[in-house]
Amino acid sequence: MVNTTPVATLSDELLNLDRFPDVKIVFDVVFNPVHTPFCAEAERRGLISVPGWLMLLHQAVHQFTLYTNVDAPISAMREALLQALPRT
């Protein structure tokens, strides 16, 4: 299941993952905050959760390589991104 809404705060109805019993993985495109309610609910239910900041990171890594023709410093970029984003 993918959350493509532009906000981290979802209604209780959208967070009700019981409506989708076959879902095993959730992906949230929201990257701010780092840990969204959608991902938190998925993790609480034992589902695999892919946070939006990870998508943002990999987009940046790919763009860096395309623009510079140099392998992106993924670890440094990951650290900088996580330091810049709110934790709540």
PDB file of N, CA and C in Angstrom:
ATOM      1  N   MET A   1       0.844  -1.153   0.000  1.00  0.00           N
ATOM      2  CA  MET A   1       0.000   0.000   0.000  1.00  0.00           C
ATOM      3  C   MET A   1       0.899   1.228   0.000  1.00  0.00           C
ATOM      4  N   VAL A   2       0.524   2.219  -0.775  1.00  0.00           N
ATOM      5  CA  VAL A   2       1.318   3.435  -0.882  1.00  0.00           C
ATOM      6  C   VAL A   2       0.471   4.633  -0.458  1.00  0.00           C
ATOM      7  N   ASN A   3       1.002   5.434   0.449  1.00  0.00           N
ATOM      8  CA  ASN A   3       0.369   6.695   0.814  1.00  0.00           C
ATOM      9  C   ASN A   3       0.967   7.783  -0.068  1.00  0.00           C
ATOM     10  N   THR A   4       0.153   8.339  -0.950  1.00  0.00           N
ATOM     11  CA  THR A   4       0.626   9.411  -1.822  1.00  0.00           C
ATOM     12  C   THR A   4       0.004  10.750  -1.471  1.00  0.00           C
ATOM     13  N   THR A   5      -0.646  10.817  -0.312  1.00  0.00           N
ATOM     14  CA  THR A   5      -1.185  12.099   0.114  1.00  0.00           C
ATOM     15  C   THR A   5      -0.034  13.007   0.500  1.00  0.00           C
ATOM     16  N   PRO A   6      -0.202  14.327   0.406  1.00  0.00           N
ATOM     17  CA  PRO A   6       0.913  15.232   0.694  1.00  0.00           C
ATOM     18  C   PRO A   6       1.102  15.561   2.176  1.00  0.00           C
ATOM     19  N   VAL A   7       0.363  14.891   3.051  1.00  0.00           N
ATOM     20  CA  VAL A   7       0.450  15.218   4.478  1.00  0.00           C
ATOM     21  C   VAL A   7       0.761  13.983   5.299  1.00  0.00           C
ATOM     22  N   ALA A   8       1.431  14.187   6.411  1.00  0.00           N
ATOM     23  CA  ALA A   8       1.787  13.069   7.287  1.00  0.00           C
ATOM     24  C   ALA A   8       0.611  12.642   8.153  1.00  0.00           C
ATOM     25  N   THR A   9      -0.309  13.541   8.444  1.00  0.00           N
ATOM     26  CA  THR A   9      -1.432  13.222   9.310  1.00  0.00           C
ATOM     27  C   THR A   9      -2.584  12.693   8.482  1.00  0.00           C
ATOM     28  N   LEU A  10      -2.884  11.419   8.668  1.00  0.00           N
ATOM     29  CA  LEU A  10      -3.971  10.789   7.941  1.00  0.00           C
ATOM     30  C   LEU A  10      -5.153  10.575   8.875  1.00  0.00           C
ATOM     31  N   SER A  11      -6.329  10.482   8.308  1.00  0.00           N
ATOM     32  CA  SER A  11      -7.518  10.227   9.114  1.00  0.00           C
ATOM     33  C   SER A  11      -7.451   8.815   9.679  1.00  0.00           C
ATOM     34  N   ASP A  12      -8.203   8.586  10.731  1.00  0.00           N
ATOM     35  CA  ASP A  12      -8.259   7.252  11.326  1.00  0.00           C
ATOM     36  C   ASP A  12      -8.735   6.225  10.309  1.00  0.00           C
ATOM     37  N   GLU A  13      -9.605   6.635   9.420  1.00  0.00           N
ATOM     38  CA  GLU A  13     -10.119   5.716   8.390  1.00  0.00           C
ATOM     39  C   GLU A  13      -8.995   5.243   7.471  1.00  0.00           C
ATOM     40  N   LEU A  14      -8.123   6.166   7.068  1.00  0.00           N
ATOM     41  CA  LEU A  14      -7.008   5.785   6.198  1.00  0.00           C
ATOM     42  C   LEU A  14      -5.949   4.981   6.943  1.00  0.00           C
ATOM     43  N   LEU A  15      -5.844   5.203   8.244  1.00  0.00           N
ATOM     44  CA  LEU A  15      -4.873   4.451   9.036  1.00  0.00           C
ATOM     45  C   LEU A  15      -5.386   3.067   9.427  1.00  0.00           C
ATOM     46  N   ASN A  16      -6.658   2.793   9.149  1.00  0.00           N
ATOM     47  CA  ASN A  16      -7.242   1.507   9.503  1.00  0.00           C
ATOM     48  C   ASN A  16      -6.796   0.439   8.505  1.00  0.00           C
ATOM     49  N   LEU A  17      -5.656  -0.140   8.758  1.00  0.00           N
ATOM     50  CA  LEU A  17      -5.091  -1.127   7.845  1.00  0.00           C
ATOM     51  C   LEU A  17      -5.819  -2.464   7.911  1.00  0.00           C
ATOM     52  N   ASP A  18      -6.742  -2.616   8.869  1.00  0.00           N
ATOM     53  CA  ASP A  18      -7.562  -3.836   8.921  1.00  0.00           C
ATOM     54  C   ASP A  18      -8.413  -3.982   7.665  1.00  0.00           C
ATOM     55  N   ARG A  19      -8.701  -2.878   7.003  1.00  0.00           N
ATOM     56  CA  ARG A  19      -9.517  -2.904   5.778  1.00  0.00           C
ATOM     57  C   ARG A  19      -8.765  -3.566   4.628  1.00  0.00           C
ATOM     58  N   PHE A  20      -7.471  -3.742   4.781  1.00  0.00           N
ATOM     59  CA  PHE A  20      -6.636  -4.284   3.714  1.00  0.00           C
ATOM     60  C   PHE A  20      -5.809  -5.449   4.259  1.00  0.00           C
ATOM     61  N   PRO A  21      -6.458  -6.593   4.492  1.00  0.00           N
ATOM     62  CA  PRO A  21      -5.769  -7.702   5.175  1.00  0.00           C
ATOM     63  C   PRO A  21      -4.605  -8.311   4.387  1.00  0.00           C
ATOM     64  N   ASP A  22      -4.552  -8.114   3.084  1.00  0.00           N
ATOM     65  CA  ASP A  22      -3.481  -8.702   2.284  1.00  0.00           C
ATOM     66  C   ASP A  22      -2.228  -7.832   2.204  1.00  0.00           C
ATOM     67  N   VAL A  23      -2.303  -6.631   2.735  1.00  0.00           N
ATOM     68  CA  VAL A  23      -1.157  -5.724   2.678  1.00  0.00           C
ATOM     69  C   VAL A  23      -0.042  -6.243   3.574  1.00  0.00           C
ATOM     70  N   LYS A  24       1.161  -6.294   3.017  1.00  0.00           N
ATOM     71  CA  LYS A  24       2.338  -6.739   3.771  1.00  0.00           C
ATOM     72  C   LYS A  24       3.394  -5.637   3.881  1.00  0.00           C
ATOM     73  N   ILE A  25       3.347  -4.689   2.933  1.00  0.00           N
ATOM     74  CA  ILE A  25       4.333  -3.617   2.879  1.00  0.00           C
ATOM     75  C   ILE A  25       3.601  -2.295   2.673  1.00  0.00           C
ATOM     76  N   VAL A  26       4.012  -1.269   3.408  1.00  0.00           N
ATOM     77  CA  VAL A  26       3.484   0.076   3.169  1.00  0.00           C
ATOM     78  C   VAL A  26       4.641   0.991   2.800  1.00  0.00           C
ATOM     79  N   PHE A  27       4.334   1.945   1.929  1.00  0.00           N
ATOM     80  CA  PHE A  27       5.321   2.916   1.472  1.00  0.00           C
ATOM     81  C   PHE A  27       4.687   4.291   1.614  1.00  0.00           C
ATOM     82  N   ASP A  28       5.333   5.149   2.346  1.00  0.00           N
ATOM     83  CA  ASP A  28       4.818   6.500   2.566  1.00  0.00           C
ATOM     84  C   ASP A  28       5.705   7.488   1.826  1.00  0.00           C
ATOM     85  N   VAL A  29       5.159   8.237   0.888  1.00  0.00           N
ATOM     86  CA  VAL A  29       5.976   9.207   0.161  1.00  0.00           C
ATOM     87  C   VAL A  29       6.229  10.467   0.987  1.00  0.00           C
ATOM     88  N   VAL A  30       5.516  10.632   2.078  1.00  0.00           N
ATOM     89  CA  VAL A  30       5.738  11.783   2.967  1.00  0.00           C
ATOM     90  C   VAL A  30       7.077  11.586   3.675  1.00  0.00           C
ATOM     91  N   PHE A  31       7.949  12.597   3.617  1.00  0.00           N
ATOM     92  CA  PHE A  31       9.273  12.467   4.233  1.00  0.00           C
ATOM     93  C   PHE A  31       9.471  13.370   5.436  1.00  0.00           C
ATOM     94  N   ASN A  32       8.498  14.193   5.732  1.00  0.00           N
ATOM     95  CA  ASN A  32       8.609  15.116   6.855  1.00  0.00           C
ATOM     96  C   ASN A  32       7.316  15.071   7.650  1.00  0.00           C
ATOM     97  N   PRO A  33       7.356  14.442   8.822  1.00  0.00           N
ATOM     98  CA  PRO A  33       8.496  14.018   9.628  1.00  0.00           C
ATOM     99  C   PRO A  33       9.059  12.672   9.160  1.00  0.00           C
ATOM    100  N   VAL A  34      10.205  12.332   9.722  1.00  0.00           N
ATOM    101  CA  VAL A  34      10.890  11.095   9.359  1.00  0.00           C
ATOM    102  C   VAL A  34      10.007   9.881   9.630  1.00  0.00           C
ATOM    103  N   HIS A  35       9.352   9.867  10.772  1.00  0.00           N
ATOM    104  CA  HIS A  35       8.520   8.720  11.161  1.00  0.00           C
ATOM    105  C   HIS A  35       7.059   9.168  11.179  1.00  0.00           C
ATOM    106  N   THR A  36       6.327   8.828  10.136  1.00  0.00           N
ATOM    107  CA  THR A  36       4.936   9.258   9.994  1.00  0.00           C
ATOM    108  C   THR A  36       3.986   8.319  10.733  1.00  0.00           C
ATOM    109  N   PRO A  37       2.782   8.801  11.059  1.00  0.00           N
ATOM    110  CA  PRO A  37       1.788   7.927  11.674  1.00  0.00           C
ATOM    111  C   PRO A  37       1.465   6.701  10.816  1.00  0.00           C
ATOM    112  N   PHE A  38       1.467   6.855   9.502  1.00  0.00           N
ATOM    113  CA  PHE A  38       1.182   5.743   8.599  1.00  0.00           C
ATOM    114  C   PHE A  38       2.223   4.633   8.766  1.00  0.00           C
ATOM    115  N   CYS A  39       3.491   5.005   8.751  1.00  0.00           N
ATOM    116  CA  CYS A  39       4.562   4.014   8.931  1.00  0.00           C
ATOM    117  C   CYS A  39       4.524   3.437  10.348  1.00  0.00           C
ATOM    118  N   ALA A  40       4.246   4.273  11.330  1.00  0.00           N
ATOM    119  CA  ALA A  40       4.182   3.797  12.713  1.00  0.00           C
ATOM    120  C   ALA A  40       3.075   2.764  12.883  1.00  0.00           C
ATOM    121  N   GLU A  41       1.926   3.006  12.286  1.00  0.00           N
ATOM    122  CA  GLU A  41       0.813   2.059  12.380  1.00  0.00           C
ATOM    123  C   GLU A  41       1.164   0.750  11.678  1.00  0.00           C
ATOM    124  N   ALA A  42       1.799   0.847  10.537  1.00  0.00           N
ATOM    125  CA  ALA A  42       2.206  -0.357   9.816  1.00  0.00           C
ATOM    126  C   ALA A  42       3.196  -1.177  10.649  1.00  0.00           C
ATOM    127  N   GLU A  43       4.160  -0.515  11.243  1.00  0.00           N
ATOM    128  CA  GLU A  43       5.149  -1.208  12.062  1.00  0.00           C
ATOM    129  C   GLU A  43       4.497  -1.836  13.287  1.00  0.00           C
ATOM    130  N   ARG A  44       3.544  -1.120  13.873  1.00  0.00           N
ATOM    131  CA  ARG A  44       2.828  -1.648  15.032  1.00  0.00           C
ATOM    132  C   ARG A  44       2.139  -2.959  14.677  1.00  0.00           C
ATOM    133  N   ARG A  45       1.713  -3.081  13.433  1.00  0.00           N
ATOM    134  CA  ARG A  45       1.018  -4.288  12.965  1.00  0.00           C
ATOM    135  C   ARG A  45       1.973  -5.342  12.398  1.00  0.00           C
ATOM    136  N   GLY A  46       3.267  -5.062  12.463  1.00  0.00           N
ATOM    137  CA  GLY A  46       4.245  -6.028  11.993  1.00  0.00           C
ATOM    138  C   GLY A  46       4.466  -6.028  10.488  1.00  0.00           C
ATOM    139  N   LEU A  47       4.023  -4.971   9.816  1.00  0.00           N
ATOM    140  CA  LEU A  47       4.204  -4.862   8.372  1.00  0.00           C
ATOM    141  C   LEU A  47       5.558  -4.234   8.050  1.00  0.00           C
ATOM    142  N   ILE A  48       6.023  -4.452   6.856  1.00  0.00           N
ATOM    143  CA  ILE A  48       7.233  -3.781   6.387  1.00  0.00           C
ATOM    144  C   ILE A  48       6.863  -2.348   6.055  1.00  0.00           C
ATOM    145  N   SER A  49       7.650  -1.402   6.533  1.00  0.00           N
ATOM    146  CA  SER A  49       7.350   0.013   6.361  1.00  0.00           C
ATOM    147  C   SER A  49       8.528   0.709   5.674  1.00  0.00           C
ATOM    148  N   VAL A  50       8.246   1.368   4.562  1.00  0.00           N
ATOM    149  CA  VAL A  50       9.276   2.113   3.831  1.00  0.00           C
ATOM    150  C   VAL A  50       8.946   3.605   3.957  1.00  0.00           C
ATOM    151  N   PRO A  51       9.782   4.358   4.658  1.00  0.00           N
ATOM    152  CA  PRO A  51       9.500   5.775   4.878  1.00  0.00           C
ATOM    153  C   PRO A  51       9.827   6.640   3.662  1.00  0.00           C
ATOM    154  N   GLY A  52       9.138   7.761   3.569  1.00  0.00           N
ATOM    155  CA  GLY A  52       9.315   8.678   2.450  1.00  0.00           C
ATOM    156  C   GLY A  52      10.702   9.283   2.352  1.00  0.00           C
ATOM    157  N   TRP A  53      11.384   9.463   3.496  1.00  0.00           N
ATOM    158  CA  TRP A  53      12.721  10.050   3.438  1.00  0.00           C
ATOM    159  C   TRP A  53      13.679   9.144   2.674  1.00  0.00           C
ATOM    160  N   LEU A  54      13.415   7.838   2.677  1.00  0.00           N
ATOM    161  CA  LEU A  54      14.265   6.925   1.934  1.00  0.00           C
ATOM    162  C   LEU A  54      14.104   7.132   0.424  1.00  0.00           C
ATOM    163  N   MET A  55      12.871   7.396  -0.008  1.00  0.00           N
ATOM    164  CA  MET A  55      12.624   7.726  -1.411  1.00  0.00           C
ATOM    165  C   MET A  55      13.342   9.028  -1.774  1.00  0.00           C
ATOM    166  N   LEU A  56      13.217  10.022  -0.919  1.00  0.00           N
ATOM    167  CA  LEU A  56      13.863  11.314  -1.154  1.00  0.00           C
ATOM    168  C   LEU A  56      15.380  11.145  -1.272  1.00  0.00           C
ATOM    169  N   LEU A  57      15.951  10.352  -0.386  1.00  0.00           N
ATOM    170  CA  LEU A  57      17.388  10.098  -0.421  1.00  0.00           C
ATOM    171  C   LEU A  57      17.804   9.471  -1.749  1.00  0.00           C
ATOM    172  N   HIS A  58      17.105   8.453  -2.166  1.00  0.00           N
ATOM    173  CA  HIS A  58      17.510   7.754  -3.391  1.00  0.00           C
ATOM    174  C   HIS A  58      17.274   8.593  -4.641  1.00  0.00           C
ATOM    175  N   GLN A  59      16.284   9.468  -4.611  1.00  0.00           N
ATOM    176  CA  GLN A  59      16.123  10.419  -5.721  1.00  0.00           C
ATOM    177  C   GLN A  59      17.329  11.345  -5.786  1.00  0.00           C
ATOM    178  N   ALA A  60      17.750  11.832  -4.624  1.00  0.00           N
ATOM    179  CA  ALA A  60      18.892  12.753  -4.567  1.00  0.00           C
ATOM    180  C   ALA A  60      20.185  12.058  -5.000  1.00  0.00           C
ATOM    181  N   VAL A  61      20.359  10.828  -4.577  1.00  0.00           N
ATOM    182  CA  VAL A  61      21.556  10.067  -4.955  1.00  0.00           C
ATOM    183  C   VAL A  61      21.615   9.915  -6.473  1.00  0.00           C
ATOM    184  N   HIS A  62      20.494   9.549  -7.066  1.00  0.00           N
ATOM    185  CA  HIS A  62      20.450   9.374  -8.515  1.00  0.00           C
ATOM    186  C   HIS A  62      20.717  10.704  -9.238  1.00  0.00           C
ATOM    187  N   GLN A  63      20.104  11.779  -8.761  1.00  0.00           N
ATOM    188  CA  GLN A  63      20.310  13.087  -9.385  1.00  0.00           C
ATOM    189  C   GLN A  63      21.768  13.530  -9.267  1.00  0.00           C
ATOM    190  N   PHE A  64      22.357  13.323  -8.102  1.00  0.00           N
ATOM    191  CA  PHE A  64      23.762  13.690  -7.896  1.00  0.00           C
ATOM    192  C   PHE A  64      24.643  13.000  -8.939  1.00  0.00           C
ATOM    193  N   THR A  65      24.420  11.704  -9.096  1.00  0.00           N
ATOM    194  CA  THR A  65      25.224  10.929 -10.054  1.00  0.00           C
ATOM    195  C   THR A  65      24.978  11.391 -11.482  1.00  0.00           C
ATOM    196  N   LEU A  66      23.729  11.668 -11.829  1.00  0.00           N
ATOM    197  CA  LEU A  66      23.424  12.145 -13.180  1.00  0.00           C
ATOM    198  C   LEU A  66      24.091  13.486 -13.481  1.00  0.00           C
ATOM    199  N   TYR A  67      24.059  14.399 -12.519  1.00  0.00           N
ATOM    200  CA  TYR A  67      24.607  15.735 -12.741  1.00  0.00           C
ATOM    201  C   TYR A  67      26.126  15.788 -12.696  1.00  0.00           C
ATOM    202  N   THR A  68      26.730  14.943 -11.863  1.00  0.00           N
ATOM    203  CA  THR A  68      28.175  15.048 -11.656  1.00  0.00           C
ATOM    204  C   THR A  68      28.976  13.933 -12.322  1.00  0.00           C
ATOM    205  N   ASN A  69      28.302  12.855 -12.702  1.00  0.00           N
ATOM    206  CA  ASN A  69      28.956  11.670 -13.252  1.00  0.00           C
ATOM    207  C   ASN A  69      29.941  11.074 -12.238  1.00  0.00           C
ATOM    208  N   VAL A  70      29.626  11.269 -10.961  1.00  0.00           N
ATOM    209  CA  VAL A  70      30.421  10.755  -9.847  1.00  0.00           C
ATOM    210  C   VAL A  70      29.473   9.971  -8.946  1.00  0.00           C
ATOM    211  N   ASP A  71      29.940   8.870  -8.400  1.00  0.00           N
ATOM    212  CA  ASP A  71      29.110   8.129  -7.455  1.00  0.00           C
ATOM    213  C   ASP A  71      28.768   9.016  -6.262  1.00  0.00           C
ATOM    214  N   ALA A  72      27.500   9.018  -5.906  1.00  0.00           N
ATOM    215  CA  ALA A  72      27.043   9.862  -4.798  1.00  0.00           C
ATOM    216  C   ALA A  72      27.545   9.318  -3.464  1.00  0.00           C
ATOM    217  N   PRO A  73      27.868  10.227  -2.529  1.00  0.00           N
ATOM    218  CA  PRO A  73      28.274   9.809  -1.189  1.00  0.00           C
ATOM    219  C   PRO A  73      27.032   9.473  -0.350  1.00  0.00           C
ATOM    220  N   ILE A  74      26.489   8.303  -0.550  1.00  0.00           N
ATOM    221  CA  ILE A  74      25.196   7.942   0.027  1.00  0.00           C
ATOM    222  C   ILE A  74      25.173   8.074   1.546  1.00  0.00           C
ATOM    223  N   SER A  75      26.192   7.574   2.213  1.00  0.00           N
ATOM    224  CA  SER A  75      26.206   7.632   3.686  1.00  0.00           C
ATOM    225  C   SER A  75      26.166   9.071   4.187  1.00  0.00           C
ATOM    226  N   ALA A  76      26.964   9.929   3.589  1.00  0.00           N
ATOM    227  CA  ALA A  76      26.989  11.336   4.001  1.00  0.00           C
ATOM    228  C   ALA A  76      25.659  12.014   3.690  1.00  0.00           C
ATOM    229  N   MET A  77      25.094  11.689   2.547  1.00  0.00           N
ATOM    230  CA  MET A  77      23.807  12.279   2.176  1.00  0.00           C
ATOM    231  C   MET A  77      22.703  11.810   3.121  1.00  0.00           C
ATOM    232  N   ARG A  78      22.726  10.537   3.469  1.00  0.00           N
ATOM    233  CA  ARG A  78      21.727   9.984   4.397  1.00  0.00           C
ATOM    234  C   ARG A  78      21.823  10.678   5.756  1.00  0.00           C
ATOM    235  N   GLU A  79      23.038  10.808   6.258  1.00  0.00           N
ATOM    236  CA  GLU A  79      23.251  11.452   7.559  1.00  0.00           C
ATOM    237  C   GLU A  79      22.777  12.905   7.530  1.00  0.00           C
ATOM    238  N   ALA A  80      23.122  13.633   6.477  1.00  0.00           N
ATOM    239  CA  ALA A  80      22.712  15.043   6.372  1.00  0.00           C
ATOM    240  C   ALA A  80      21.199  15.176   6.284  1.00  0.00           C
ATOM    241  N   LEU A  81      20.571  14.309   5.525  1.00  0.00           N
ATOM    242  CA  LEU A  81      19.115  14.352   5.390  1.00  0.00           C
ATOM    243  C   LEU A  81      18.437  14.080   6.718  1.00  0.00           C
ATOM    244  N   LEU A  82      18.856  13.035   7.403  1.00  0.00           N
ATOM    245  CA  LEU A  82      18.223  12.688   8.675  1.00  0.00           C
ATOM    246  C   LEU A  82      18.465  13.756   9.744  1.00  0.00           C
ATOM    247  N   GLN A  83      19.588  14.445   9.684  1.00  0.00           N
ATOM    248  CA  GLN A  83      19.838  15.536  10.630  1.00  0.00           C
ATOM    249  C   GLN A  83      18.953  16.737  10.335  1.00  0.00           C
ATOM    250  N   ALA A  84      18.623  16.923   9.063  1.00  0.00           N
ATOM    251  CA  ALA A  84      17.847  18.095   8.655  1.00  0.00           C
ATOM    252  C   ALA A  84      16.344  17.920   8.881  1.00  0.00           C
ATOM    253  N   LEU A  85      15.860  16.701   8.906  1.00  0.00           N
ATOM    254  CA  LEU A  85      14.415  16.464   9.027  1.00  0.00           C
ATOM    255  C   LEU A  85      13.993  16.335  10.487  1.00  0.00           C
ATOM    256  N   PRO A  86      12.782  16.819  10.805  1.00  0.00           N
ATOM    257  CA  PRO A  86      12.261  16.658  12.177  1.00  0.00           C
ATOM    258  C   PRO A  86      12.073  15.182  12.506  1.00  0.00           C
ATOM    259  N   ARG A  87      12.248  14.830  13.759  1.00  0.00           N
ATOM    260  CA  ARG A  87      12.131  13.446  14.204  1.00  0.00           C
ATOM    261  C   ARG A  87      10.728  13.081  14.661  1.00  0.00           C
ATOM    262  N   THR A  88       9.841  14.014  14.799  1.00  0.00           N
ATOM    263  CA  THR A  88       8.505  13.699  15.308  1.00  0.00           C
ATOM    264  C   THR A  88       7.504  13.534  14.204  1.00  0.00           C
TER     265      THR A  88
END
